[in-house]
N, C-alpha and C. Protein backbone atom coordinates (compact mmCIF):
# COMPACT_ATOMS: atom_id res chain seq x y z
N MET A 1 73.94 120.98 78.84
CA MET A 1 73.04 121.74 79.74
C MET A 1 72.76 123.22 79.24
N TYR A 2 71.75 123.71 79.22
CA TYR A 2 71.37 125.04 78.83
C TYR A 2 71.99 126.15 79.81
N LEU A 3 72.82 127.05 79.48
CA LEU A 3 73.65 127.70 80.34
C LEU A 3 73.73 129.13 80.00
N PRO A 4 72.66 130.05 80.18
CA PRO A 4 72.77 131.39 80.03
C PRO A 4 74.03 131.93 80.78
N ALA A 5 74.69 133.02 80.26
CA ALA A 5 75.72 133.59 80.64
C ALA A 5 75.55 134.00 82.18
N GLN A 6 74.45 134.60 82.65
CA GLN A 6 74.21 135.14 83.90
C GLN A 6 74.28 134.01 84.99
N PHE A 7 73.94 132.74 84.52
CA PHE A 7 73.88 131.69 85.53
C PHE A 7 75.04 130.84 85.54
N ALA A 8 76.04 131.05 84.69
CA ALA A 8 77.29 130.18 84.52
C ALA A 8 78.15 130.26 85.78
N GLU A 9 78.62 129.27 86.20
CA GLU A 9 79.60 129.20 87.35
C GLU A 9 80.84 128.41 86.97
N SER A 10 81.86 129.30 86.73
CA SER A 10 83.25 128.65 86.53
C SER A 10 84.23 128.50 87.48
N ARG A 11 84.08 129.23 88.56
CA ARG A 11 84.91 129.35 89.68
C ARG A 11 85.24 127.83 90.25
N ILE A 12 86.39 127.36 90.06
CA ILE A 12 86.74 125.97 90.45
C ILE A 12 86.56 125.73 92.07
N GLY A 13 86.70 126.86 92.79
CA GLY A 13 86.30 126.71 94.15
C GLY A 13 84.84 126.45 94.52
N GLU A 14 84.02 127.19 93.67
CA GLU A 14 82.62 127.06 94.01
C GLU A 14 82.06 125.67 93.42
N LEU A 15 82.75 125.28 92.32
CA LEU A 15 82.32 124.05 91.78
C LEU A 15 82.70 122.65 92.76
N HIS A 16 83.62 122.92 93.13
CA HIS A 16 84.24 121.79 94.30
C HIS A 16 83.31 121.95 95.53
N ARG A 17 82.94 123.03 95.84
CA ARG A 17 82.23 123.21 97.13
C ARG A 17 80.86 122.53 96.85
N ILE A 18 79.97 122.71 95.54
CA ILE A 18 78.81 122.19 95.42
C ILE A 18 79.04 120.71 95.62
N VAL A 19 80.06 120.06 94.75
CA VAL A 19 80.25 118.76 94.90
C VAL A 19 80.37 118.17 96.31
N ARG A 20 81.36 118.69 96.94
CA ARG A 20 81.52 118.14 98.34
C ARG A 20 80.47 118.26 99.38
N GLU A 21 79.50 119.35 99.19
CA GLU A 21 78.45 119.65 100.01
C GLU A 21 77.25 118.85 99.52
N ASN A 22 77.32 118.23 98.49
CA ASN A 22 76.13 117.54 97.88
C ASN A 22 76.62 116.14 97.08
N ALA A 23 77.25 115.25 98.02
CA ALA A 23 77.93 114.12 97.71
C ALA A 23 77.34 113.17 96.82
N LEU A 24 75.98 113.22 97.13
CA LEU A 24 75.24 112.12 96.32
C LEU A 24 75.12 112.44 94.85
N GLY A 25 75.88 111.84 94.00
CA GLY A 25 75.86 112.35 92.54
C GLY A 25 74.84 111.24 91.89
N MET A 26 74.44 111.76 90.72
CA MET A 26 73.79 110.91 89.80
C MET A 26 74.78 110.43 88.75
N LEU A 27 75.26 109.31 88.52
CA LEU A 27 76.08 108.78 87.58
C LEU A 27 75.32 108.24 86.35
N VAL A 28 75.47 109.03 85.17
CA VAL A 28 74.66 108.57 83.98
C VAL A 28 75.56 107.83 83.17
N THR A 29 75.33 106.63 82.73
CA THR A 29 76.17 105.81 81.74
C THR A 29 75.28 105.31 80.54
N HIS A 30 76.00 104.99 79.47
CA HIS A 30 75.34 104.39 78.32
C HIS A 30 75.80 102.99 78.14
N THR A 31 74.85 102.03 78.49
CA THR A 31 74.97 100.59 78.47
C THR A 31 74.32 99.98 77.30
N PRO A 32 74.73 98.83 77.12
CA PRO A 32 73.96 98.06 76.01
C PRO A 32 72.41 98.28 76.18
N ALA A 33 71.91 98.26 77.34
CA ALA A 33 70.44 98.38 77.42
C ALA A 33 69.94 99.94 77.33
N GLY A 34 70.80 100.78 77.08
CA GLY A 34 70.43 102.27 76.98
C GLY A 34 71.18 103.08 78.20
N LEU A 35 70.37 104.25 78.28
CA LEU A 35 71.02 105.14 79.37
C LEU A 35 70.52 104.61 80.77
N GLU A 36 71.59 104.55 81.66
CA GLU A 36 71.34 104.20 83.02
C GLU A 36 71.59 105.30 84.01
N ALA A 37 71.05 105.38 85.19
CA ALA A 37 71.37 106.33 86.24
C ALA A 37 71.48 105.58 87.34
N ASN A 38 72.65 105.77 88.06
CA ASN A 38 72.78 105.23 89.44
C ASN A 38 73.16 106.34 90.31
N HIS A 39 72.64 106.23 91.62
CA HIS A 39 72.88 107.52 92.74
C HIS A 39 73.84 106.95 93.63
N LEU A 40 75.04 107.61 93.81
CA LEU A 40 76.15 107.19 94.57
C LEU A 40 76.82 108.39 95.19
N PRO A 41 77.33 108.15 96.48
CA PRO A 41 78.03 109.15 97.21
C PRO A 41 79.46 109.07 96.67
N PHE A 42 79.91 110.44 96.25
CA PHE A 42 81.32 110.26 95.66
C PHE A 42 82.22 111.23 96.56
N PHE A 43 83.43 110.80 96.61
CA PHE A 43 84.64 111.51 97.10
C PHE A 43 85.30 112.37 95.99
N LEU A 44 85.43 113.66 96.07
CA LEU A 44 86.30 114.52 95.21
C LEU A 44 87.70 114.43 95.71
N ASP A 45 88.56 113.66 94.95
CA ASP A 45 89.88 113.55 95.16
C ASP A 45 90.82 114.01 94.04
N GLY A 46 91.14 115.39 93.92
CA GLY A 46 91.88 115.86 93.15
C GLY A 46 91.02 116.11 91.73
N ASP A 47 91.52 115.37 90.83
CA ASP A 47 90.77 115.56 89.43
C ASP A 47 90.04 114.24 89.28
N MET A 48 89.84 113.62 90.22
CA MET A 48 89.21 112.34 90.18
C MET A 48 87.75 112.25 91.15
N LEU A 49 86.71 111.53 90.72
CA LEU A 49 85.73 111.38 91.61
C LEU A 49 85.57 109.77 91.94
N LEU A 50 85.73 109.43 93.22
CA LEU A 50 85.87 107.98 93.60
C LEU A 50 84.46 107.66 94.28
N ALA A 51 83.97 106.34 94.12
CA ALA A 51 82.79 105.84 94.62
C ALA A 51 82.78 104.23 94.66
N HIS A 52 81.93 103.80 95.13
CA HIS A 52 81.84 102.17 95.10
C HIS A 52 80.54 101.78 94.76
N VAL A 53 80.14 100.67 94.23
CA VAL A 53 78.90 100.15 94.07
C VAL A 53 78.72 98.63 94.68
N ALA A 54 77.57 98.20 94.77
CA ALA A 54 77.41 96.83 95.29
C ALA A 54 77.82 95.87 94.09
N ARG A 55 78.42 94.78 94.47
CA ARG A 55 78.97 93.82 93.72
C ARG A 55 77.75 93.24 92.85
N GLY A 56 76.64 93.41 93.31
CA GLY A 56 75.39 92.88 92.51
C GLY A 56 74.85 93.93 91.61
N ASN A 57 75.41 95.13 91.61
CA ASN A 57 74.90 96.30 90.71
C ASN A 57 75.49 95.78 89.31
N PRO A 58 74.78 95.66 88.12
CA PRO A 58 75.52 95.24 87.09
C PRO A 58 76.21 96.51 86.34
N ILE A 59 76.16 97.56 86.84
CA ILE A 59 76.80 98.62 86.15
C ILE A 59 78.18 98.65 85.84
N TRP A 60 79.02 97.90 86.96
CA TRP A 60 80.47 97.72 86.90
C TRP A 60 80.84 96.82 85.69
N ARG A 61 79.96 95.99 85.43
CA ARG A 61 80.27 95.06 84.52
C ARG A 61 79.82 95.44 82.98
N GLU A 62 78.75 96.36 82.88
CA GLU A 62 78.43 96.76 81.70
C GLU A 62 79.07 97.96 80.91
N VAL A 63 79.83 98.69 81.85
CA VAL A 63 80.59 99.75 81.19
C VAL A 63 81.91 99.15 80.79
N ARG A 64 82.61 100.02 79.77
CA ARG A 64 83.81 99.61 79.34
C ARG A 64 84.80 100.68 79.99
N ASP A 65 86.08 100.14 79.97
CA ASP A 65 87.15 100.95 80.67
C ASP A 65 87.38 102.16 79.79
N GLY A 66 87.16 103.32 80.36
CA GLY A 66 87.41 104.54 79.47
C GLY A 66 86.23 105.09 79.06
N ASP A 67 85.00 104.50 79.11
CA ASP A 67 83.78 105.13 78.72
C ASP A 67 83.33 106.52 79.21
N GLN A 68 82.96 107.32 78.41
CA GLN A 68 82.37 108.59 78.69
C GLN A 68 81.21 108.77 79.71
N VAL A 69 81.29 109.35 80.79
CA VAL A 69 80.23 109.35 81.65
C VAL A 69 80.01 110.66 82.16
N LEU A 70 78.72 110.87 82.75
CA LEU A 70 78.36 112.04 83.36
C LEU A 70 77.94 111.93 84.67
N VAL A 71 78.38 112.81 85.83
CA VAL A 71 77.99 112.77 87.11
C VAL A 71 77.15 114.14 87.57
N VAL A 72 76.01 114.01 87.83
CA VAL A 72 75.17 115.29 88.27
C VAL A 72 75.18 115.40 89.69
N PHE A 73 75.66 116.55 90.26
CA PHE A 73 75.44 117.11 91.60
C PHE A 73 74.50 118.16 91.96
N ARG A 74 73.45 117.88 92.53
CA ARG A 74 72.44 119.04 92.91
C ARG A 74 72.49 119.60 94.18
N GLY A 75 72.79 121.11 94.01
CA GLY A 75 72.85 121.70 95.43
C GLY A 75 71.73 122.31 95.87
N VAL A 76 71.61 123.46 96.47
CA VAL A 76 70.39 123.88 96.92
C VAL A 76 69.37 124.22 95.81
N GLU A 77 68.03 124.10 96.04
CA GLU A 77 67.14 124.42 95.04
C GLU A 77 65.70 124.77 95.56
N GLY A 78 64.82 125.15 95.02
CA GLY A 78 63.53 125.56 95.42
C GLY A 78 62.65 126.28 94.47
N TYR A 79 61.29 126.18 94.73
CA TYR A 79 60.43 127.05 93.94
C TYR A 79 60.29 128.52 94.44
N ILE A 80 60.20 129.27 93.31
CA ILE A 80 60.20 130.82 93.65
C ILE A 80 58.82 131.32 93.16
N SER A 81 57.91 131.83 94.10
CA SER A 81 56.68 132.24 93.76
C SER A 81 56.70 133.72 93.27
N PRO A 82 55.86 134.10 92.18
CA PRO A 82 55.90 135.47 91.71
C PRO A 82 55.47 136.38 92.83
N ASN A 83 54.51 135.97 93.59
CA ASN A 83 53.93 136.76 94.71
C ASN A 83 54.81 137.16 95.69
N TRP A 84 56.20 136.71 95.64
CA TRP A 84 57.21 137.21 96.49
C TRP A 84 57.85 138.37 95.93
N TYR A 85 57.72 138.73 94.65
CA TYR A 85 58.41 139.76 94.13
C TYR A 85 57.57 141.05 94.34
N PRO A 86 58.04 142.16 94.91
CA PRO A 86 57.28 143.50 95.00
C PRO A 86 57.02 144.00 93.75
N GLY A 87 57.65 143.78 92.61
CA GLY A 87 57.35 144.12 91.33
C GLY A 87 56.29 143.57 90.63
N LYS A 88 55.78 142.42 91.18
CA LYS A 88 54.38 141.70 90.70
C LYS A 88 53.30 142.57 91.08
N GLN A 89 53.41 143.17 92.33
CA GLN A 89 52.33 144.02 92.83
C GLN A 89 52.10 145.22 91.94
N GLU A 90 53.15 145.71 91.28
CA GLU A 90 53.17 146.96 90.40
C GLU A 90 52.77 146.66 89.01
N THR A 91 53.04 145.65 88.29
CA THR A 91 52.83 145.26 86.81
C THR A 91 52.18 144.04 86.66
N HIS A 92 52.14 143.07 87.58
CA HIS A 92 51.77 141.60 87.51
C HIS A 92 52.60 140.90 86.32
N ARG A 93 53.69 141.56 85.67
CA ARG A 93 54.58 140.86 84.76
C ARG A 93 55.77 139.98 85.52
N ARG A 94 55.32 138.93 86.18
CA ARG A 94 56.14 138.23 87.01
C ARG A 94 55.63 136.70 86.90
N VAL A 95 56.50 135.88 86.64
CA VAL A 95 56.01 134.34 86.57
C VAL A 95 56.78 133.41 87.62
N PRO A 96 56.32 132.38 87.93
CA PRO A 96 56.94 131.42 88.87
C PRO A 96 58.35 130.80 88.12
N THR A 97 59.21 130.50 89.06
CA THR A 97 60.36 130.01 88.42
C THR A 97 60.81 128.90 89.51
N TRP A 98 62.02 128.21 89.18
CA TRP A 98 62.91 127.36 90.08
C TRP A 98 64.19 127.77 90.03
N ASN A 99 64.81 127.91 91.33
CA ASN A 99 66.09 128.48 91.46
C ASN A 99 67.01 127.17 91.95
N TYR A 100 68.30 127.14 91.57
CA TYR A 100 69.01 125.83 91.97
C TYR A 100 70.49 126.01 91.66
N GLU A 101 71.38 125.19 92.16
CA GLU A 101 72.66 125.15 91.91
C GLU A 101 72.97 123.55 91.33
N VAL A 102 73.92 123.49 90.38
CA VAL A 102 74.08 122.13 89.94
C VAL A 102 75.40 122.19 89.21
N VAL A 103 76.05 120.91 89.19
CA VAL A 103 77.42 120.73 88.73
C VAL A 103 77.29 119.48 87.81
N HIS A 104 77.61 119.56 86.61
CA HIS A 104 77.80 118.49 85.54
C HIS A 104 79.43 118.28 85.48
N ALA A 105 79.71 116.82 86.05
CA ALA A 105 81.00 116.30 86.02
C ALA A 105 81.11 115.32 84.83
N HIS A 106 81.92 115.80 83.94
CA HIS A 106 82.05 115.00 82.50
C HIS A 106 83.76 114.20 82.79
N GLY A 107 83.53 112.83 82.46
CA GLY A 107 84.92 112.13 82.67
C GLY A 107 84.69 110.87 82.09
N THR A 108 85.72 110.05 82.31
CA THR A 108 85.83 108.72 81.94
C THR A 108 85.82 107.74 83.13
N ILE A 109 85.17 106.68 82.99
CA ILE A 109 84.87 105.62 84.22
C ILE A 109 85.97 104.48 84.02
N HIS A 110 86.32 104.13 85.19
CA HIS A 110 87.29 103.02 85.39
C HIS A 110 86.75 102.32 86.59
N VAL A 111 86.70 100.93 86.42
CA VAL A 111 86.37 100.06 87.39
C VAL A 111 87.56 99.62 88.07
N ARG A 112 87.54 99.58 89.59
CA ARG A 112 88.70 99.17 90.51
C ARG A 112 88.25 97.98 91.13
N ASP A 113 88.32 96.87 90.92
CA ASP A 113 87.98 95.75 91.61
C ASP A 113 89.07 95.12 92.54
N ASP A 114 89.45 96.21 93.36
CA ASP A 114 90.61 95.46 94.23
C ASP A 114 90.41 96.03 95.66
N VAL A 115 90.54 95.26 96.54
CA VAL A 115 90.24 95.66 97.97
C VAL A 115 90.99 96.79 98.44
N LYS A 116 92.13 96.95 97.95
CA LYS A 116 92.98 98.15 98.62
C LYS A 116 92.39 99.35 98.19
N PHE A 117 91.98 99.49 96.79
CA PHE A 117 91.31 100.78 96.29
C PHE A 117 89.97 100.93 97.12
N VAL A 118 89.22 99.68 97.13
CA VAL A 118 87.85 99.92 97.84
C VAL A 118 87.98 100.49 99.21
N ARG A 119 89.00 99.77 100.00
CA ARG A 119 89.10 100.11 101.39
C ARG A 119 89.49 101.67 101.52
N ARG A 120 90.15 102.19 100.61
CA ARG A 120 90.60 103.45 100.69
C ARG A 120 89.36 104.61 100.34
N VAL A 121 88.56 104.14 99.41
CA VAL A 121 87.49 104.90 99.11
C VAL A 121 86.35 104.96 100.21
N VAL A 122 86.23 103.78 100.88
CA VAL A 122 85.35 103.86 102.07
C VAL A 122 85.98 104.61 103.30
N ALA A 123 87.21 104.60 103.41
CA ALA A 123 87.87 105.33 104.47
C ALA A 123 87.65 106.75 104.20
N LEU A 124 87.98 107.29 103.05
CA LEU A 124 87.69 108.69 102.56
C LEU A 124 86.21 108.91 102.72
N LEU A 125 85.47 108.46 102.33
CA LEU A 125 83.86 108.71 102.55
C LEU A 125 83.55 108.66 103.87
N THR A 126 83.88 107.85 104.74
CA THR A 126 83.56 107.64 106.07
C THR A 126 84.18 108.98 106.74
N ARG A 127 85.31 109.41 106.57
CA ARG A 127 86.09 110.43 107.23
C ARG A 127 85.23 111.79 107.02
N GLN A 128 85.01 111.81 105.73
CA GLN A 128 84.28 113.16 105.26
C GLN A 128 82.77 113.27 105.95
N HIS A 129 82.08 112.06 105.91
CA HIS A 129 80.71 112.33 106.48
C HIS A 129 80.35 112.02 107.80
N GLU A 130 81.51 111.51 108.39
CA GLU A 130 81.52 111.34 109.95
C GLU A 130 82.10 112.49 110.85
N ALA A 131 82.58 113.50 109.97
CA ALA A 131 83.55 114.54 110.67
C ALA A 131 82.63 115.27 111.53
N GLY A 132 81.34 115.44 111.37
CA GLY A 132 80.45 116.40 112.09
C GLY A 132 79.82 115.48 113.16
N GLN A 133 80.21 114.26 113.33
CA GLN A 133 79.63 113.44 114.61
C GLN A 133 80.34 113.79 116.08
N ALA A 134 79.43 113.65 117.15
CA ALA A 134 80.22 114.00 118.22
C ALA A 134 81.38 113.04 118.40
N GLN A 135 81.01 111.70 118.01
CA GLN A 135 82.12 110.41 118.14
C GLN A 135 82.22 109.81 116.76
N PRO A 136 82.69 110.24 115.86
CA PRO A 136 83.01 109.73 114.48
C PRO A 136 83.20 108.19 114.33
N TRP A 137 82.39 107.48 113.63
CA TRP A 137 82.55 106.09 113.36
C TRP A 137 83.82 105.92 112.52
N LYS A 138 84.50 105.08 112.71
CA LYS A 138 85.75 104.74 111.96
C LYS A 138 85.82 103.15 111.65
N MET A 139 86.46 103.04 110.44
CA MET A 139 86.56 101.64 110.11
C MET A 139 86.91 100.53 111.07
N GLY A 140 87.96 100.94 111.99
CA GLY A 140 88.55 100.30 112.98
C GLY A 140 87.49 99.85 114.23
N ASP A 141 86.43 100.51 114.09
CA ASP A 141 85.35 100.08 115.18
C ASP A 141 84.67 98.79 114.94
N ALA A 142 84.80 98.44 113.56
CA ALA A 142 84.13 97.14 113.21
C ALA A 142 85.10 96.07 113.32
N PRO A 143 84.62 94.93 113.55
CA PRO A 143 85.52 93.74 113.59
C PRO A 143 86.36 93.44 112.38
N PRO A 144 87.64 93.21 112.13
CA PRO A 144 88.17 93.16 111.11
C PRO A 144 87.66 91.98 110.07
N ASP A 145 87.19 90.78 110.46
CA ASP A 145 86.56 89.83 109.71
C ASP A 145 85.23 90.48 109.11
N TYR A 146 84.54 91.11 109.75
CA TYR A 146 83.05 91.59 109.49
C TYR A 146 83.54 92.65 108.30
N LEU A 147 84.40 93.55 108.55
CA LEU A 147 84.76 94.62 107.55
C LEU A 147 85.29 93.94 106.26
N ASP A 148 86.28 93.01 106.40
CA ASP A 148 86.74 92.47 105.21
C ASP A 148 85.46 91.76 104.40
N GLU A 149 84.58 91.18 105.13
CA GLU A 149 83.58 90.65 104.27
C GLU A 149 82.62 91.55 103.60
N GLN A 150 82.49 92.76 104.22
CA GLN A 150 81.66 93.70 103.78
C GLN A 150 82.36 94.30 102.40
N LEU A 151 83.59 94.52 102.58
CA LEU A 151 84.37 95.11 101.41
C LEU A 151 84.33 94.18 100.32
N ARG A 152 84.29 92.86 100.38
CA ARG A 152 84.30 91.98 99.28
C ARG A 152 82.95 92.19 98.55
N HIS A 153 81.88 92.76 99.16
CA HIS A 153 80.49 92.86 98.38
C HIS A 153 80.57 94.21 97.64
N ILE A 154 81.75 94.77 97.59
CA ILE A 154 81.54 96.02 96.81
C ILE A 154 82.54 96.35 95.87
N VAL A 155 82.35 97.09 94.79
CA VAL A 155 83.40 97.35 93.63
C VAL A 155 83.66 98.76 93.58
N GLY A 156 85.09 99.17 93.31
CA GLY A 156 85.37 100.62 93.24
C GLY A 156 85.11 101.16 91.85
N ILE A 157 84.84 102.40 91.87
CA ILE A 157 84.62 103.02 90.67
C ILE A 157 85.47 104.54 90.85
N GLU A 158 86.09 104.79 89.69
CA GLU A 158 86.97 105.95 89.43
C GLU A 158 86.45 106.88 88.33
N ILE A 159 86.17 108.00 88.43
CA ILE A 159 85.88 108.90 87.27
C ILE A 159 86.89 109.85 87.34
N ARG A 160 87.59 109.63 86.06
CA ARG A 160 88.83 110.78 85.71
C ARG A 160 88.19 112.04 84.92
N LEU A 161 88.30 113.11 85.83
CA LEU A 161 87.27 114.39 85.42
C LEU A 161 88.12 115.02 84.12
N GLY A 162 87.16 115.09 83.09
CA GLY A 162 87.68 116.18 81.86
C GLY A 162 87.37 117.51 82.09
N ARG A 163 85.96 117.72 82.55
CA ARG A 163 85.63 119.05 82.83
C ARG A 163 84.38 119.15 83.81
N LEU A 164 84.35 120.27 84.46
CA LEU A 164 83.19 120.49 85.35
C LEU A 164 82.36 121.74 84.90
N GLU A 165 81.11 121.56 84.81
CA GLU A 165 80.24 122.59 84.29
C GLU A 165 79.16 122.97 85.26
N GLY A 166 79.21 124.44 85.74
CA GLY A 166 78.37 124.64 86.80
C GLY A 166 77.36 125.66 86.50
N LYS A 167 76.30 125.71 87.10
CA LYS A 167 75.05 126.65 86.98
C LYS A 167 74.49 126.80 88.23
N ARG A 168 74.33 128.31 88.50
CA ARG A 168 73.71 128.78 89.63
C ARG A 168 72.67 129.87 89.24
N LYS A 169 71.49 129.08 89.17
CA LYS A 169 70.42 129.99 88.78
C LYS A 169 69.57 130.55 90.01
N LEU A 170 70.02 131.80 90.19
CA LEU A 170 69.65 132.47 91.53
C LEU A 170 69.06 133.94 91.40
N ASN A 171 68.20 134.15 90.54
CA ASN A 171 67.62 135.26 90.35
C ASN A 171 68.63 136.54 90.17
N GLN A 172 69.69 136.12 89.56
CA GLN A 172 70.61 137.24 89.30
C GLN A 172 70.22 138.35 88.38
N HIS A 173 69.28 138.06 87.39
CA HIS A 173 68.96 138.86 86.43
C HIS A 173 67.68 139.63 86.90
N HIS A 174 67.22 139.70 88.12
CA HIS A 174 66.02 140.38 88.67
C HIS A 174 66.61 141.56 89.44
N SER A 175 65.67 142.32 89.72
CA SER A 175 65.99 143.77 90.26
C SER A 175 66.25 143.50 91.82
N GLU A 176 66.99 144.31 92.52
CA GLU A 176 67.41 144.00 93.79
C GLU A 176 66.27 143.69 94.93
N GLN A 177 65.27 144.69 94.35
CA GLN A 177 63.91 144.43 95.35
C GLN A 177 63.27 143.03 95.21
N ASP A 178 63.08 142.70 93.92
CA ASP A 178 62.54 141.41 93.62
C ASP A 178 63.53 140.22 94.21
N ARG A 179 64.71 140.27 94.13
CA ARG A 179 65.60 139.43 94.80
C ARG A 179 65.42 139.13 96.13
N GLU A 180 65.36 140.37 96.70
CA GLU A 180 65.19 140.37 98.21
C GLU A 180 63.78 139.90 98.74
N GLY A 181 62.72 140.10 97.90
CA GLY A 181 61.48 139.76 98.18
C GLY A 181 61.45 138.22 98.13
N ALA A 182 62.14 137.60 97.09
CA ALA A 182 62.20 136.03 96.90
C ALA A 182 63.03 135.45 98.02
N ILE A 183 64.03 136.04 98.53
CA ILE A 183 64.92 135.66 99.70
C ILE A 183 64.04 135.51 100.96
N GLN A 184 63.29 136.61 101.11
CA GLN A 184 62.55 136.67 102.22
C GLN A 184 61.38 135.51 102.08
N GLY A 185 60.90 135.36 101.10
CA GLY A 185 59.61 134.34 100.93
C GLY A 185 60.45 132.95 101.16
N LEU A 186 61.55 132.69 100.82
CA LEU A 186 62.30 131.35 101.01
C LEU A 186 62.38 131.22 102.42
N GLU A 187 63.05 132.15 103.05
CA GLU A 187 63.31 132.17 104.49
C GLU A 187 61.93 131.97 105.36
N SER A 188 60.87 132.51 104.99
CA SER A 188 59.64 132.38 105.62
C SER A 188 59.16 130.90 105.77
N ARG A 189 59.63 130.33 104.53
CA ARG A 189 59.32 128.89 104.35
C ARG A 189 60.38 127.73 104.68
N GLY A 190 61.37 128.29 105.44
CA GLY A 190 62.51 127.45 106.14
C GLY A 190 63.48 127.04 105.16
N ASN A 191 63.47 127.50 103.76
CA ASN A 191 64.61 127.07 102.91
C ASN A 191 65.83 128.09 102.89
N HIS A 192 66.42 128.08 104.09
CA HIS A 192 67.60 128.92 104.46
C HIS A 192 68.67 128.80 103.46
N GLY A 193 69.09 127.59 102.94
CA GLY A 193 70.07 127.22 102.18
C GLY A 193 70.06 127.98 100.84
N LEU A 194 68.81 127.81 100.13
CA LEU A 194 68.71 128.70 98.96
C LEU A 194 68.74 130.12 99.25
N ALA A 195 68.04 130.70 100.16
CA ALA A 195 68.14 132.09 100.46
C ALA A 195 69.57 132.62 100.68
N LYS A 196 70.31 131.77 101.29
CA LYS A 196 71.69 132.31 101.57
C LYS A 196 72.41 132.32 100.18
N ALA A 197 72.21 131.37 99.51
CA ALA A 197 72.98 131.21 98.12
C ALA A 197 72.42 132.38 97.44
N MET A 198 71.19 132.84 97.15
CA MET A 198 70.75 133.94 96.52
C MET A 198 71.33 135.29 96.91
N ARG A 199 71.44 135.46 98.29
CA ARG A 199 72.00 136.49 98.92
C ARG A 199 73.35 136.73 98.60
N GLU A 200 74.19 135.59 98.35
CA GLU A 200 75.54 135.79 98.07
C GLU A 200 75.86 135.81 96.61
N ALA A 201 74.93 135.53 95.90
CA ALA A 201 75.04 135.64 94.37
C ALA A 201 75.24 136.90 93.72
N THR A 202 76.09 137.20 92.83
CA THR A 202 76.42 138.42 92.41
C THR A 202 75.77 138.72 91.21
N PRO A 203 74.71 139.79 91.11
CA PRO A 203 74.04 140.00 89.89
C PRO A 203 75.04 140.39 88.72
N PRO A 204 74.79 140.27 87.47
CA PRO A 204 75.50 140.68 86.37
C PRO A 204 75.77 142.30 86.40
N THR A 205 76.81 142.64 86.10
CA THR A 205 77.09 144.09 85.88
C THR A 205 76.27 144.74 84.76
N SER A 206 75.63 145.81 84.84
CA SER A 206 75.11 146.58 83.61
C SER A 206 76.13 147.33 82.76
């Protein structure tokens, strides 16, 4: 990933936050057929990413235990118009751009085709994503025979993390007035998540 210094994010807390808040990761693997991408919800468990795939998905048969893989997590993102920059009105030396947060998780993949592992992954994902519900669904709500049947149709995936690489491209290199103009432009169009991230981003010190 191209990573200019002003956009590099190395704080582990921020990297973990982006992963947890944007759990649908893109798993990139190299298979006999070439590069493959699968989109899976992941649970961050210490230095591991846990997920599951449908048994009918060939990916779990195509990878070898310990293969190097990449999982990409995209956070807030959006288009930035040069018309939002006050500086554009003065010099017209501004261009469009795209701001975003992203984490690249590098590690090794390990297939876990056992029901105990899969049950734990489903339980962890369920608790994480049901937490905001008024009446959270839990695995015990389903009839045991039905749940056992569903679990037999999925296979566990474990990614043992080697490194996390983060990028937060949030206009840090622009003037304060141009950053504020872009933030207001985003807010006027309802992109409050990206506006908030830009407002909290720290510009590089001069």
